[in-house]
């Protein structure tokens, strides 16, 4: 692979290159800012739940990482209940992606949910 890169004159990315630095999330003259975004929030406390609610109000889709609170199931259940109530109130949607990730959508955005097929 290195020989091909040398022949084609491809430059290798510096070891300190960060993919986030290469992406322009705010937009520019050619690519204006988006109407809404998909944002990831780590749920550590009630303040993070309030942040998720604020983002949903701004029509952003939220991927919520709940790993930090899995050792506090009662607290996690209370916060998820609050988020679920808000999402239902605004006609949004909520779904479990993995045991650690929850997807929250704003008003008028629905998640297609399918149950795994049972093999006979």
PDB file of N, CA and C in Angstrom:
ATOM      1  N   UNK A   1       0.818  -1.183   0.000  1.00  0.00           N
ATOM      2  CA  UNK A   1       0.000   0.000   0.000  1.00  0.00           C
ATOM      3  C   UNK A   1       0.866   1.252   0.000  1.00  0.00           C
ATOM      4  N   UNK A   2       1.957   1.247   0.714  1.00  0.00           N
ATOM      5  CA  UNK A   2       2.831   2.422   0.773  1.00  0.00           C
ATOM      6  C   UNK A   2       3.457   2.720  -0.577  1.00  0.00           C
ATOM      7  N   UNK A   3       3.793   1.683  -1.320  1.00  0.00           N
ATOM      8  CA  UNK A   3       4.398   1.885  -2.639  1.00  0.00           C
ATOM      9  C   UNK A   3       3.396   2.563  -3.562  1.00  0.00           C
ATOM     10  N   UNK A   4       2.144   2.113  -3.523  1.00  0.00           N
ATOM     11  CA  UNK A   4       1.102   2.720  -4.354  1.00  0.00           C
ATOM     12  C   UNK A   4       0.901   4.177  -3.965  1.00  0.00           C
ATOM     13  N   UNK A   5       0.901   4.450  -2.659  1.00  0.00           N
ATOM     14  CA  UNK A   5       0.755   5.833  -2.200  1.00  0.00           C
ATOM     15  C   UNK A   5       1.900   6.700  -2.697  1.00  0.00           C
ATOM     16  N   UNK A   6       3.120   6.189  -2.681  1.00  0.00           N
ATOM     17  CA  UNK A   6       4.270   6.947  -3.168  1.00  0.00           C
ATOM     18  C   UNK A   6       4.173   7.195  -4.665  1.00  0.00           C
ATOM     19  N   UNK A   7       3.756   6.165  -5.398  1.00  0.00           N
ATOM     20  CA  UNK A   7       3.640   6.302  -6.850  1.00  0.00           C
ATOM     21  C   UNK A   7       2.576   7.326  -7.214  1.00  0.00           C
ATOM     22  N   UNK A   8       1.432   7.261  -6.528  1.00  0.00           N
ATOM     23  CA  UNK A   8       0.333   8.171  -6.841  1.00  0.00           C
ATOM     24  C   UNK A   8       0.495   9.533  -6.175  1.00  0.00           C
ATOM     25  N   UNK A   9       1.483   9.667  -5.335  1.00  0.00           N
ATOM     26  CA  UNK A   9       1.742  10.949  -4.688  1.00  0.00           C
ATOM     27  C   UNK A   9       0.743  11.292  -3.597  1.00  0.00           C
ATOM     28  N   UNK A  10       0.082  10.306  -3.058  1.00  0.00           N
ATOM     29  CA  UNK A  10      -0.881  10.556  -1.970  1.00  0.00           C
ATOM     30  C   UNK A  10      -0.125  10.901  -0.701  1.00  0.00           C
ATOM     31  N   UNK A  11      -0.641  11.880  -0.021  1.00  0.00           N
ATOM     32  CA  UNK A  11      -0.012  12.250   1.247  1.00  0.00           C
ATOM     33  C   UNK A  11      -0.730  11.528   2.373  1.00  0.00           C
ATOM     34  N   UNK A  12       0.033  11.122   3.331  1.00  0.00           N
ATOM     35  CA  UNK A  12      -0.502  10.457   4.495  1.00  0.00           C
ATOM     36  C   UNK A  12      -0.978  11.527   5.474  1.00  0.00           C
ATOM     37  N   UNK A  13      -2.121  11.269   6.145  1.00  0.00           N
ATOM     38  CA  UNK A  13      -2.610  12.206   7.143  1.00  0.00           C
ATOM     39  C   UNK A  13      -1.677  12.207   8.349  1.00  0.00           C
ATOM     40  N   UNK A  14      -1.452  13.361   8.947  1.00  0.00           N
ATOM     41  CA  UNK A  14      -0.623  13.381  10.144  1.00  0.00           C
ATOM     42  C   UNK A  14      -1.247  12.522  11.241  1.00  0.00           C
ATOM     43  N   UNK A  15      -0.405  11.974  12.076  1.00  0.00           N
ATOM     44  CA  UNK A  15      -0.881  11.094  13.153  1.00  0.00           C
ATOM     45  C   UNK A  15      -1.848  11.812  14.083  1.00  0.00           C
ATOM     46  N   UNK A  16      -1.705  13.132  14.199  1.00  0.00           N
ATOM     47  CA  UNK A  16      -2.562  13.892  15.103  1.00  0.00           C
ATOM     48  C   UNK A  16      -3.838  14.369  14.433  1.00  0.00           C
ATOM     49  N   UNK A  17      -4.078  13.971  13.180  1.00  0.00           N
ATOM     50  CA  UNK A  17      -5.276  14.410  12.469  1.00  0.00           C
ATOM     51  C   UNK A  17      -6.524  13.884  13.190  1.00  0.00           C
ATOM     52  N   UNK A  18      -7.500  14.751  13.326  1.00  0.00           N
ATOM     53  CA  UNK A  18      -8.734  14.404  14.010  1.00  0.00           C
ATOM     54  C   UNK A  18      -9.873  14.521  13.002  1.00  0.00           C
ATOM     55  N   UNK A  19     -10.654  13.479  12.850  1.00  0.00           N
ATOM     56  CA  UNK A  19     -11.738  13.474  11.870  1.00  0.00           C
ATOM     57  C   UNK A  19     -12.727  14.602  12.136  1.00  0.00           C
ATOM     58  N   UNK A  20     -12.967  14.948  13.404  1.00  0.00           N
ATOM     59  CA  UNK A  20     -13.892  16.028  13.724  1.00  0.00           C
ATOM     60  C   UNK A  20     -13.391  17.369  13.187  1.00  0.00           C
ATOM     61  N   UNK A  21     -12.062  17.555  13.167  1.00  0.00           N
ATOM     62  CA  UNK A  21     -11.502  18.795  12.635  1.00  0.00           C
ATOM     63  C   UNK A  21     -11.703  18.883  11.126  1.00  0.00           C
ATOM     64  N   UNK A  22     -11.816  17.743  10.467  1.00  0.00           N
ATOM     65  CA  UNK A  22     -11.969  17.727   9.019  1.00  0.00           C
ATOM     66  C   UNK A  22     -13.409  17.990   8.587  1.00  0.00           C
ATOM     67  N   UNK A  23     -14.360  17.776   9.492  1.00  0.00           N
ATOM     68  CA  UNK A  23     -15.762  17.983   9.170  1.00  0.00           C
ATOM     69  C   UNK A  23     -16.174  19.390   9.557  1.00  0.00           C
ATOM     70  N   UNK A  24     -16.909  20.054   8.693  1.00  0.00           N
ATOM     71  CA  UNK A  24     -17.397  21.398   8.973  1.00  0.00           C
ATOM     72  C   UNK A  24     -18.865  21.287   9.349  1.00  0.00           C
ATOM     73  N   UNK A  25     -19.168  21.320  10.645  1.00  0.00           N
ATOM     74  CA  UNK A  25     -20.539  21.119  11.085  1.00  0.00           C
ATOM     75  C   UNK A  25     -21.362  22.401  11.087  1.00  0.00           C
ATOM     76  N   UNK A  26     -20.751  23.541  11.027  1.00  0.00           N
ATOM     77  CA  UNK A  26     -21.490  24.796  11.089  1.00  0.00           C
ATOM     78  C   UNK A  26     -21.943  25.278   9.717  1.00  0.00           C
ATOM     79  N   UNK A  27     -21.341  24.800   8.653  1.00  0.00           N
ATOM     80  CA  UNK A  27     -21.704  25.255   7.326  1.00  0.00           C
ATOM     81  C   UNK A  27     -20.819  26.427   6.905  1.00  0.00           C
ATOM     82  N   UNK A  28     -20.911  26.788   5.634  1.00  0.00           N
ATOM     83  CA  UNK A  28     -20.153  27.905   5.107  1.00  0.00           C
ATOM     84  C   UNK A  28     -20.943  28.505   3.949  1.00  0.00           C
ATOM     85  N   UNK A  29     -20.301  29.313   3.115  1.00  0.00           N
ATOM     86  CA  UNK A  29     -21.000  29.961   2.021  1.00  0.00           C
ATOM     87  C   UNK A  29     -21.564  28.936   1.035  1.00  0.00           C
ATOM     88  N   UNK A  30     -20.796  27.901   0.745  1.00  0.00           N
ATOM     89  CA  UNK A  30     -21.241  26.881  -0.201  1.00  0.00           C
ATOM     90  C   UNK A  30     -22.267  25.953   0.439  1.00  0.00           C
ATOM     91  N   UNK A  31     -22.051  25.588   1.685  1.00  0.00           N
ATOM     92  CA  UNK A  31     -22.944  24.686   2.413  1.00  0.00           C
ATOM     93  C   UNK A  31     -23.512  25.412   3.632  1.00  0.00           C
ATOM     94  N   UNK A  32     -24.693  25.994   3.513  1.00  0.00           N
ATOM     95  CA  UNK A  32     -25.262  26.729   4.651  1.00  0.00           C
ATOM     96  C   UNK A  32     -25.611  25.787   5.800  1.00  0.00           C
ATOM     97  N   UNK A  33     -25.811  26.329   7.008  1.00  0.00           N
ATOM     98  CA  UNK A  33     -26.187  25.485   8.149  1.00  0.00           C
ATOM     99  C   UNK A  33     -27.475  24.717   7.870  1.00  0.00           C
ATOM    100  N   UNK A  34     -27.612  23.567   8.477  1.00  0.00           N
ATOM    101  CA  UNK A  34     -28.791  22.714   8.284  1.00  0.00           C
ATOM    102  C   UNK A  34     -29.973  23.250   9.084  1.00  0.00           C
ATOM    103  N   UNK A  35     -31.164  22.790   8.730  1.00  0.00           N
ATOM    104  CA  UNK A  35     -32.369  23.167   9.461  1.00  0.00           C
ATOM    105  C   UNK A  35     -32.405  22.502  10.834  1.00  0.00           C
ATOM    106  N   UNK A  36     -31.879  21.293  10.921  1.00  0.00           N
ATOM    107  CA  UNK A  36     -31.782  20.591  12.200  1.00  0.00           C
ATOM    108  C   UNK A  36     -30.596  19.649  12.148  1.00  0.00           C
ATOM    109  N   UNK A  37     -30.195  19.157  13.317  1.00  0.00           N
ATOM    110  CA  UNK A  37     -29.002  18.321  13.427  1.00  0.00           C
ATOM    111  C   UNK A  37     -29.326  17.039  14.186  1.00  0.00           C
ATOM    112  N   UNK A  38     -28.452  16.060  14.056  1.00  0.00           N
ATOM    113  CA  UNK A  38     -28.476  14.867  14.899  1.00  0.00           C
ATOM    114  C   UNK A  38     -27.351  15.061  15.897  1.00  0.00           C
ATOM    115  N   UNK A  39     -27.694  15.086  17.176  1.00  0.00           N
ATOM    116  CA  UNK A  39     -26.707  15.363  18.214  1.00  0.00           C
ATOM    117  C   UNK A  39     -26.630  14.207  19.200  1.00  0.00           C
ATOM    118  N   UNK A  40     -25.432  13.982  19.705  1.00  0.00           N
ATOM    119  CA  UNK A  40     -25.213  12.945  20.717  1.00  0.00           C
ATOM    120  C   UNK A  40     -25.029  13.632  22.068  1.00  0.00           C
ATOM    121  N   UNK A  41     -25.749  13.135  23.057  1.00  0.00           N
ATOM    122  CA  UNK A  41     -25.663  13.681  24.414  1.00  0.00           C
ATOM    123  C   UNK A  41     -25.416  12.527  25.369  1.00  0.00           C
ATOM    124  N   UNK A  42     -24.468  12.714  26.272  1.00  0.00           N
ATOM    125  CA  UNK A  42     -24.229  11.712  27.309  1.00  0.00           C
ATOM    126  C   UNK A  42     -25.080  12.066  28.519  1.00  0.00           C
ATOM    127  N   UNK A  43     -25.928  11.142  28.927  1.00  0.00           N
ATOM    128  CA  UNK A  43     -26.830  11.363  30.052  1.00  0.00           C
ATOM    129  C   UNK A  43     -26.109  11.004  31.355  1.00  0.00           C
ATOM    130  N   UNK A  44     -25.758  12.024  32.118  1.00  0.00           N
ATOM    131  CA  UNK A  44     -25.091  11.816  33.402  1.00  0.00           C
ATOM    132  C   UNK A  44     -25.952  12.285  34.566  1.00  0.00           C
ATOM    133  N   UNK A  45     -26.865  13.240  34.297  1.00  0.00           N
ATOM    134  CA  UNK A  45     -27.707  13.793  35.359  1.00  0.00           C
ATOM    135  C   UNK A  45     -28.948  14.440  34.745  1.00  0.00           C
ATOM    136  N   UNK A  46     -29.773  15.033  35.598  1.00  0.00           N
ATOM    137  CA  UNK A  46     -31.013  15.669  35.150  1.00  0.00           C
ATOM    138  C   UNK A  46     -30.740  16.849  34.228  1.00  0.00           C
ATOM    139  N   UNK A  47     -29.624  17.525  34.426  1.00  0.00           N
ATOM    140  CA  UNK A  47     -29.260  18.655  33.572  1.00  0.00           C
ATOM    141  C   UNK A  47     -29.069  18.226  32.125  1.00  0.00           C
ATOM    142  N   UNK A  48     -28.509  17.044  31.930  1.00  0.00           N
ATOM    143  CA  UNK A  48     -28.335  16.518  30.577  1.00  0.00           C
ATOM    144  C   UNK A  48     -29.693  16.180  29.956  1.00  0.00           C
ATOM    145  N   UNK A  49     -30.639  15.732  30.768  1.00  0.00           N
ATOM    146  CA  UNK A  49     -31.991  15.467  30.279  1.00  0.00           C
ATOM    147  C   UNK A  49     -32.647  16.774  29.843  1.00  0.00           C
ATOM    148  N   UNK A  50     -32.433  17.841  30.616  1.00  0.00           N
ATOM    149  CA  UNK A  50     -32.975  19.148  30.240  1.00  0.00           C
ATOM    150  C   UNK A  50     -32.347  19.653  28.943  1.00  0.00           C
ATOM    151  N   UNK A  51     -31.062  19.377  28.754  1.00  0.00           N
ATOM    152  CA  UNK A  51     -30.387  19.741  27.507  1.00  0.00           C
ATOM    153  C   UNK A  51     -31.008  18.984  26.331  1.00  0.00           C
ATOM    154  N   UNK A  52     -31.294  17.705  26.519  1.00  0.00           N
ATOM    155  CA  UNK A  52     -31.929  16.905  25.465  1.00  0.00           C
ATOM    156  C   UNK A  52     -33.305  17.471  25.126  1.00  0.00           C
ATOM    157  N   UNK A  53     -34.063  17.869  26.134  1.00  0.00           N
ATOM    158  CA  UNK A  53     -35.382  18.460  25.911  1.00  0.00           C
ATOM    159  C   UNK A  53     -35.254  19.770  25.135  1.00  0.00           C
ATOM    160  N   UNK A  54     -34.268  20.583  25.491  1.00  0.00           N
ATOM    161  CA  UNK A  54     -34.028  21.842  24.774  1.00  0.00           C
ATOM    162  C   UNK A  54     -33.694  21.574  23.311  1.00  0.00           C
ATOM    163  N   UNK A  55     -32.833  20.599  23.062  1.00  0.00           N
ATOM    164  CA  UNK A  55     -32.445  20.262  21.687  1.00  0.00           C
ATOM    165  C   UNK A  55     -33.635  19.725  20.892  1.00  0.00           C
ATOM    166  N   UNK A  56     -34.488  18.928  21.519  1.00  0.00           N
ATOM    167  CA  UNK A  56     -35.689  18.441  20.846  1.00  0.00           C
ATOM    168  C   UNK A  56     -36.605  19.607  20.481  1.00  0.00           C
ATOM    169  N   UNK A  57     -36.667  20.607  21.361  1.00  0.00           N
ATOM    170  CA  UNK A  57     -37.455  21.803  21.083  1.00  0.00           C
ATOM    171  C   UNK A  57     -36.929  22.579  19.890  1.00  0.00           C
ATOM    172  N   UNK A  58     -35.642  22.434  19.607  1.00  0.00           N
ATOM    173  CA  UNK A  58     -35.029  23.088  18.449  1.00  0.00           C
ATOM    174  C   UNK A  58     -35.057  22.184  17.212  1.00  0.00           C
ATOM    175  N   UNK A  59     -35.858  21.121  17.285  1.00  0.00           N
ATOM    176  CA  UNK A  59     -36.064  20.169  16.190  1.00  0.00           C
ATOM    177  C   UNK A  59     -34.846  19.320  15.856  1.00  0.00           C
ATOM    178  N   UNK A  60     -33.954  19.125  16.815  1.00  0.00           N
ATOM    179  CA  UNK A  60     -32.788  18.267  16.608  1.00  0.00           C
ATOM    180  C   UNK A  60     -33.112  16.840  17.049  1.00  0.00           C
ATOM    181  N   UNK A  61     -32.495  15.881  16.396  1.00  0.00           N
ATOM    182  CA  UNK A  61     -32.624  14.471  16.757  1.00  0.00           C
ATOM    183  C   UNK A  61     -31.501  14.146  17.731  1.00  0.00           C
ATOM    184  N   UNK A  62     -31.798  13.415  18.782  1.00  0.00           N
ATOM    185  CA  UNK A  62     -30.839  13.142  19.852  1.00  0.00           C
ATOM    186  C   UNK A  62     -30.516  11.661  19.927  1.00  0.00           C
ATOM    187  N   UNK A  63     -29.221  11.364  19.998  1.00  0.00           N
ATOM    188  CA  UNK A  63     -28.755  10.021  20.339  1.00  0.00           C
ATOM    189  C   UNK A  63     -28.234  10.149  21.766  1.00  0.00           C
ATOM    190  N   UNK A  64     -28.927   9.514  22.681  1.00  0.00           N
ATOM    191  CA  UNK A  64     -28.652   9.663  24.107  1.00  0.00           C
ATOM    192  C   UNK A  64     -27.868   8.465  24.618  1.00  0.00           C
ATOM    193  N   UNK A  65     -26.672   8.723  25.139  1.00  0.00           N
ATOM    194  CA  UNK A  65     -25.839   7.673  25.717  1.00  0.00           C
ATOM    195  C   UNK A  65     -26.141   7.605  27.216  1.00  0.00           C
ATOM    196  N   UNK A  66     -26.713   6.492  27.670  1.00  0.00           N
ATOM    197  CA  UNK A  66     -27.120   6.351  29.070  1.00  0.00           C
ATOM    198  C   UNK A  66     -26.173   5.473  29.879  1.00  0.00           C
ATOM    199  N   UNK A  67     -25.036   5.119  29.313  1.00  0.00           N
ATOM    200  CA  UNK A  67     -24.093   4.205  29.975  1.00  0.00           C
ATOM    201  C   UNK A  67     -23.694   4.692  31.370  1.00  0.00           C
ATOM    202  N   UNK A  68     -23.516   5.991  31.537  1.00  0.00           N
ATOM    203  CA  UNK A  68     -23.087   6.540  32.831  1.00  0.00           C
ATOM    204  C   UNK A  68     -24.080   6.268  33.954  1.00  0.00           C
ATOM    205  N   UNK A  69     -25.357   6.121  33.612  1.00  0.00           N
ATOM    206  CA  UNK A  69     -26.380   5.926  34.650  1.00  0.00           C
ATOM    207  C   UNK A  69     -26.882   4.488  34.764  1.00  0.00           C
ATOM    208  N   UNK A  70     -26.276   3.553  34.059  1.00  0.00           N
ATOM    209  CA  UNK A  70     -26.759   2.170  34.118  1.00  0.00           C
ATOM    210  C   UNK A  70     -26.560   1.547  35.499  1.00  0.00           C
ATOM    211  N   UNK A  71     -25.653   2.079  36.280  1.00  0.00           N
ATOM    212  CA  UNK A  71     -25.435   1.557  37.643  1.00  0.00           C
ATOM    213  C   UNK A  71     -26.403   2.173  38.648  1.00  0.00           C
ATOM    214  N   UNK A  72     -27.244   3.113  38.180  1.00  0.00           N
ATOM    215  CA  UNK A  72     -28.261   3.747  39.018  1.00  0.00           C
ATOM    216  C   UNK A  72     -29.623   3.578  38.331  1.00  0.00           C
ATOM    217  N   UNK A  73     -30.158   2.352  38.310  1.00  0.00           N
ATOM    218  CA  UNK A  73     -31.358   2.061  37.519  1.00  0.00           C
ATOM    219  C   UNK A  73     -32.589   2.892  37.903  1.00  0.00           C
ATOM    220  N   UNK A  74     -32.771   3.186  39.183  1.00  0.00           N
ATOM    221  CA  UNK A  74     -33.944   3.977  39.592  1.00  0.00           C
ATOM    222  C   UNK A  74     -33.854   5.403  39.059  1.00  0.00           C
ATOM    223  N   UNK A  75     -32.685   5.989  39.166  1.00  0.00           N
ATOM    224  CA  UNK A  75     -32.474   7.350  38.656  1.00  0.00           C
ATOM    225  C   UNK A  75     -32.631   7.379  37.134  1.00  0.00           C
ATOM    226  N   UNK A  76     -32.062   6.381  36.464  1.00  0.00           N
ATOM    227  CA  UNK A  76     -32.163   6.284  35.009  1.00  0.00           C
ATOM    228  C   UNK A  76     -33.625   6.141  34.583  1.00  0.00           C
ATOM    229  N   UNK A  77     -34.379   5.305  35.285  1.00  0.00           N
ATOM    230  CA  UNK A  77     -35.790   5.090  34.962  1.00  0.00           C
ATOM    231  C   UNK A  77     -36.585   6.385  35.118  1.00  0.00           C
ATOM    232  N   UNK A  78     -36.294   7.150  36.155  1.00  0.00           N
ATOM    233  CA  UNK A  78     -36.986   8.421  36.385  1.00  0.00           C
ATOM    234  C   UNK A  78     -36.707   9.413  35.256  1.00  0.00           C
ATOM    235  N   UNK A  79     -35.430   9.531  34.881  1.00  0.00           N
ATOM    236  CA  UNK A  79     -35.049  10.474  33.824  1.00  0.00           C
ATOM    237  C   UNK A  79     -35.626  10.041  32.483  1.00  0.00           C
ATOM    238  N   UNK A  80     -35.566   8.749  32.168  1.00  0.00           N
ATOM    239  CA  UNK A  80     -36.114   8.247  30.908  1.00  0.00           C
ATOM    240  C   UNK A  80     -37.630   8.468  30.877  1.00  0.00           C
ATOM    241  N   UNK A  81     -38.277   8.292  32.017  1.00  0.00           N
ATOM    242  CA  UNK A  81     -39.721   8.556  32.103  1.00  0.00           C
ATOM    243  C   UNK A  81     -40.044  10.008  31.789  1.00  0.00           C
ATOM    244  N   UNK A  82     -39.232  10.914  32.307  1.00  0.00           N
ATOM    245  CA  UNK A  82     -39.409  12.354  32.037  1.00  0.00           C
ATOM    246  C   UNK A  82     -39.235  12.639  30.545  1.00  0.00           C
ATOM    247  N   UNK A  83     -38.197  12.056  29.937  1.00  0.00           N
ATOM    248  CA  UNK A  83     -37.945  12.264  28.511  1.00  0.00           C
ATOM    249  C   UNK A  83     -39.064  11.653  27.668  1.00  0.00           C
ATOM    250  N   UNK A  84     -39.507  10.464  28.044  1.00  0.00           N
ATOM    251  CA  UNK A  84     -40.580   9.787  27.308  1.00  0.00           C
ATOM    252  C   UNK A  84     -41.865  10.604  27.362  1.00  0.00           C
ATOM    253  N   UNK A  85     -42.169  11.148  28.530  1.00  0.00           N
ATOM    254  CA  UNK A  85     -43.362  11.980  28.694  1.00  0.00           C
ATOM    255  C   UNK A  85     -43.282  13.225  27.801  1.00  0.00           C
ATOM    256  N   UNK A  86     -42.122  13.872  27.769  1.00  0.00           N
ATOM    257  CA  UNK A  86     -41.952  15.066  26.946  1.00  0.00           C
ATOM    258  C   UNK A  86     -42.075  14.727  25.460  1.00  0.00           C
ATOM    259  N   UNK A  87     -41.433  13.645  25.031  1.00  0.00           N
ATOM    260  CA  UNK A  87     -41.473  13.241  23.623  1.00  0.00           C
ATOM    261  C   UNK A  87     -42.912  12.935  23.200  1.00  0.00           C
ATOM    262  N   UNK A  88     -43.673  12.248  24.047  1.00  0.00           N
ATOM    263  CA  UNK A  88     -45.071  11.960  23.726  1.00  0.00           C
ATOM    264  C   UNK A  88     -45.893  13.249  23.655  1.00  0.00           C
ATOM    265  N   UNK A  89     -45.604  14.190  24.546  1.00  0.00           N
ATOM    266  CA  UNK A  89     -46.325  15.467  24.587  1.00  0.00           C
ATOM    267  C   UNK A  89     -46.128  16.276  23.302  1.00  0.00           C
ATOM    268  N   UNK A  90     -44.928  16.247  22.740  1.00  0.00           N
ATOM    269  CA  UNK A  90     -44.649  17.028  21.536  1.00  0.00           C
ATOM    270  C   UNK A  90     -44.901  16.230  20.251  1.00  0.00           C
ATOM    271  N   UNK A  91     -45.401  14.994  20.376  1.00  0.00           N
ATOM    272  CA  UNK A  91     -45.651  14.110  19.235  1.00  0.00           C
ATOM    273  C   UNK A  91     -44.346  13.712  18.534  1.00  0.00           C
ATOM    274  N   UNK A  92     -43.316  13.477  19.334  1.00  0.00           N
ATOM    275  CA  UNK A  92     -42.045  12.970  18.821  1.00  0.00           C
ATOM    276  C   UNK A  92     -42.021  11.466  18.974  1.00  0.00           C
ATOM    277  N   UNK A  93     -40.814  10.898  19.097  1.00  0.00           N
ATOM    278  CA  UNK A  93     -40.712   9.448  19.249  1.00  0.00           C
ATOM    279  C   UNK A  93     -39.442   9.114  20.032  1.00  0.00           C
ATOM    280  N   UNK A  94     -39.419   7.919  20.596  1.00  0.00           N
ATOM    281  CA  UNK A  94     -38.277   7.441  21.376  1.00  0.00           C
ATOM    282  C   UNK A  94     -38.109   5.954  21.085  1.00  0.00           C
ATOM    283  N   UNK A  95     -36.842   5.517  20.972  1.00  0.00           N
ATOM    284  CA  UNK A  95     -36.582   4.102  20.719  1.00  0.00           C
ATOM    285  C   UNK A  95     -35.228   3.721  21.294  1.00  0.00           C
ATOM    286  N   UNK A  96     -35.119   2.480  21.706  1.00  0.00           N
ATOM    287  CA  UNK A  96     -33.872   1.931  22.217  1.00  0.00           C
ATOM    288  C   UNK A  96     -33.047   1.422  21.040  1.00  0.00           C
ATOM    289  N   UNK A  97     -31.846   1.966  20.867  1.00  0.00           N
ATOM    290  CA  UNK A  97     -30.946   1.503  19.807  1.00  0.00           C
ATOM    291  C   UNK A  97     -30.116   0.327  20.290  1.00  0.00           C
ATOM    292  N   UNK A  98     -29.467   0.513  21.442  1.00  0.00           N
ATOM    293  CA  UNK A  98     -28.707  -0.544  22.117  1.00  0.00           C
ATOM    294  C   UNK A  98     -29.005  -0.397  23.598  1.00  0.00           C
ATOM    295  N   UNK A  99     -28.406  -1.217  24.432  1.00  0.00           N
ATOM    296  CA  UNK A  99     -28.621  -1.099  25.874  1.00  0.00           C
ATOM    297  C   UNK A  99     -28.103   0.231  26.420  1.00  0.00           C
ATOM    298  N   UNK A 100     -27.192   0.861  25.687  1.00  0.00           N
ATOM    299  CA  UNK A 100     -26.616   2.121  26.154  1.00  0.00           C
ATOM    300  C   UNK A 100     -27.081   3.340  25.370  1.00  0.00           C
ATOM    301  N   UNK A 101     -27.761   3.150  24.257  1.00  0.00           N
ATOM    302  CA  UNK A 101     -28.131   4.266  23.386  1.00  0.00           C
ATOM    303  C   UNK A 101     -29.638   4.325  23.144  1.00  0.00           C
ATOM    304  N   UNK A 102     -30.178   5.537  23.276  1.00  0.00           N
ATOM    305  CA  UNK A 102     -31.598   5.782  23.044  1.00  0.00           C
ATOM    306  C   UNK A 102     -31.713   6.873  21.984  1.00  0.00           C
ATOM    307  N   UNK A 103     -32.639   6.712  21.055  1.00  0.00           N
ATOM    308  CA  UNK A 103     -32.883   7.693  20.006  1.00  0.00           C
ATOM    309  C   UNK A 103     -34.136   8.476  20.356  1.00  0.00           C
ATOM    310  N   UNK A 104     -34.020   9.815  20.343  1.00  0.00           N
ATOM    311  CA  UNK A 104     -35.148  10.703  20.616  1.00  0.00           C
ATOM    312  C   UNK A 104     -35.367  11.583  19.398  1.00  0.00           C
ATOM    313  N   UNK A 105     -36.617  11.708  18.960  1.00  0.00           N
ATOM    314  CA  UNK A 105     -36.894  12.545  17.802  1.00  0.00           C
ATOM    315  C   UNK A 105     -37.876  13.651  18.172  1.00  0.00           C
ATOM    316  N   UNK A 106     -37.780  14.788  17.491  1.00  0.00           N
ATOM    317  CA  UNK A 106     -38.685  15.908  17.776  1.00  0.00           C
ATOM    318  C   UNK A 106     -40.061  15.685  17.168  1.00  0.00           C
ATOM    319  N   UNK A 107     -40.902  16.685  17.269  1.00  0.00           N
ATOM    320  CA  UNK A 107     -42.268  16.615  16.752  1.00  0.00           C
ATOM    321  C   UNK A 107     -42.284  16.220  15.281  1.00  0.00           C
ATOM    322  N   UNK A 108     -43.250  15.396  14.944  1.00  0.00           N
ATOM    323  CA  UNK A 108     -43.513  14.964  13.569  1.00  0.00           C
ATOM    324  C   UNK A 108     -42.396  14.142  12.936  1.00  0.00           C
ATOM    325  N   UNK A 109     -41.507  13.585  13.752  1.00  0.00           N
ATOM    326  CA  UNK A 109     -40.485  12.658  13.249  1.00  0.00           C
ATOM    327  C   UNK A 109     -40.714  11.335  13.971  1.00  0.00           C
ATOM    328  N   UNK A 110     -41.033  10.303  13.210  1.00  0.00           N
ATOM    329  CA  UNK A 110     -41.323   8.999  13.790  1.00  0.00           C
ATOM    330  C   UNK A 110     -40.231   7.998  13.443  1.00  0.00           C
ATOM    331  N   UNK A 111     -40.013   7.051  14.328  1.00  0.00           N
ATOM    332  CA  UNK A 111     -39.023   5.999  14.152  1.00  0.00           C
ATOM    333  C   UNK A 111     -39.760   4.733  13.720  1.00  0.00           C
ATOM    334  N   UNK A 112     -39.308   4.115  12.645  1.00  0.00           N
ATOM    335  CA  UNK A 112     -39.905   2.856  12.208  1.00  0.00           C
ATOM    336  C   UNK A 112     -39.322   1.766  13.098  1.00  0.00           C
ATOM    337  N   UNK A 113     -40.175   1.155  13.875  1.00  0.00           N
ATOM    338  CA  UNK A 113     -39.741   0.125  14.815  1.00  0.00           C
ATOM    339  C   UNK A 113     -40.198  -1.230  14.300  1.00  0.00           C
ATOM    340  N   UNK A 114     -39.289  -2.168  14.326  1.00  0.00           N
ATOM    341  CA  UNK A 114     -39.656  -3.529  13.923  1.00  0.00           C
ATOM    342  C   UNK A 114     -39.131  -4.496  14.965  1.00  0.00           C
ATOM    343  N   UNK A 115     -39.922  -5.502  15.197  1.00  0.00           N
ATOM    344  CA  UNK A 115     -39.517  -6.524  16.171  1.00  0.00           C
ATOM    345  C   UNK A 115     -38.751  -7.608  15.447  1.00  0.00           C
ATOM    346  N   UNK A 116     -37.756  -8.180  16.124  1.00  0.00           N
ATOM    347  CA  UNK A 116     -37.005  -9.269  15.480  1.00  0.00           C
ATOM    348  C   UNK A 116     -37.921 -10.444  15.149  1.00  0.00           C
ATOM    349  N   UNK A 117     -37.688 -11.050  13.996  1.00  0.00           N
ATOM    350  CA  UNK A 117     -38.490 -12.193  13.580  1.00  0.00           C
ATOM    351  C   UNK A 117     -38.114 -13.420  14.396  1.00  0.00           C
ATOM    352  N   UNK A 118     -39.135 -14.116  14.849  1.00  0.00           N
ATOM    353  CA  UNK A 118     -38.915 -15.341  15.619  1.00  0.00           C
ATOM    354  C   UNK A 118     -38.778 -16.498  14.636  1.00  0.00           C
ATOM    355  N   UNK A 119     -37.672 -17.230  14.751  1.00  0.00           N
ATOM    356  CA  UNK A 119     -37.466 -18.363  13.871  1.00  0.00           C
ATOM    357  C   UNK A 119     -38.156 -19.578  14.445  1.00  0.00           C
ATOM    358  N   UNK A 120     -38.797 -20.327  13.566  1.00  0.00           N
ATOM    359  CA  UNK A 120     -39.531 -21.518  14.008  1.00  0.00           C
ATOM    360  C   UNK A 120     -38.749 -22.756  13.753  1.00  0.00           C
TER     361      UNK A 120
END
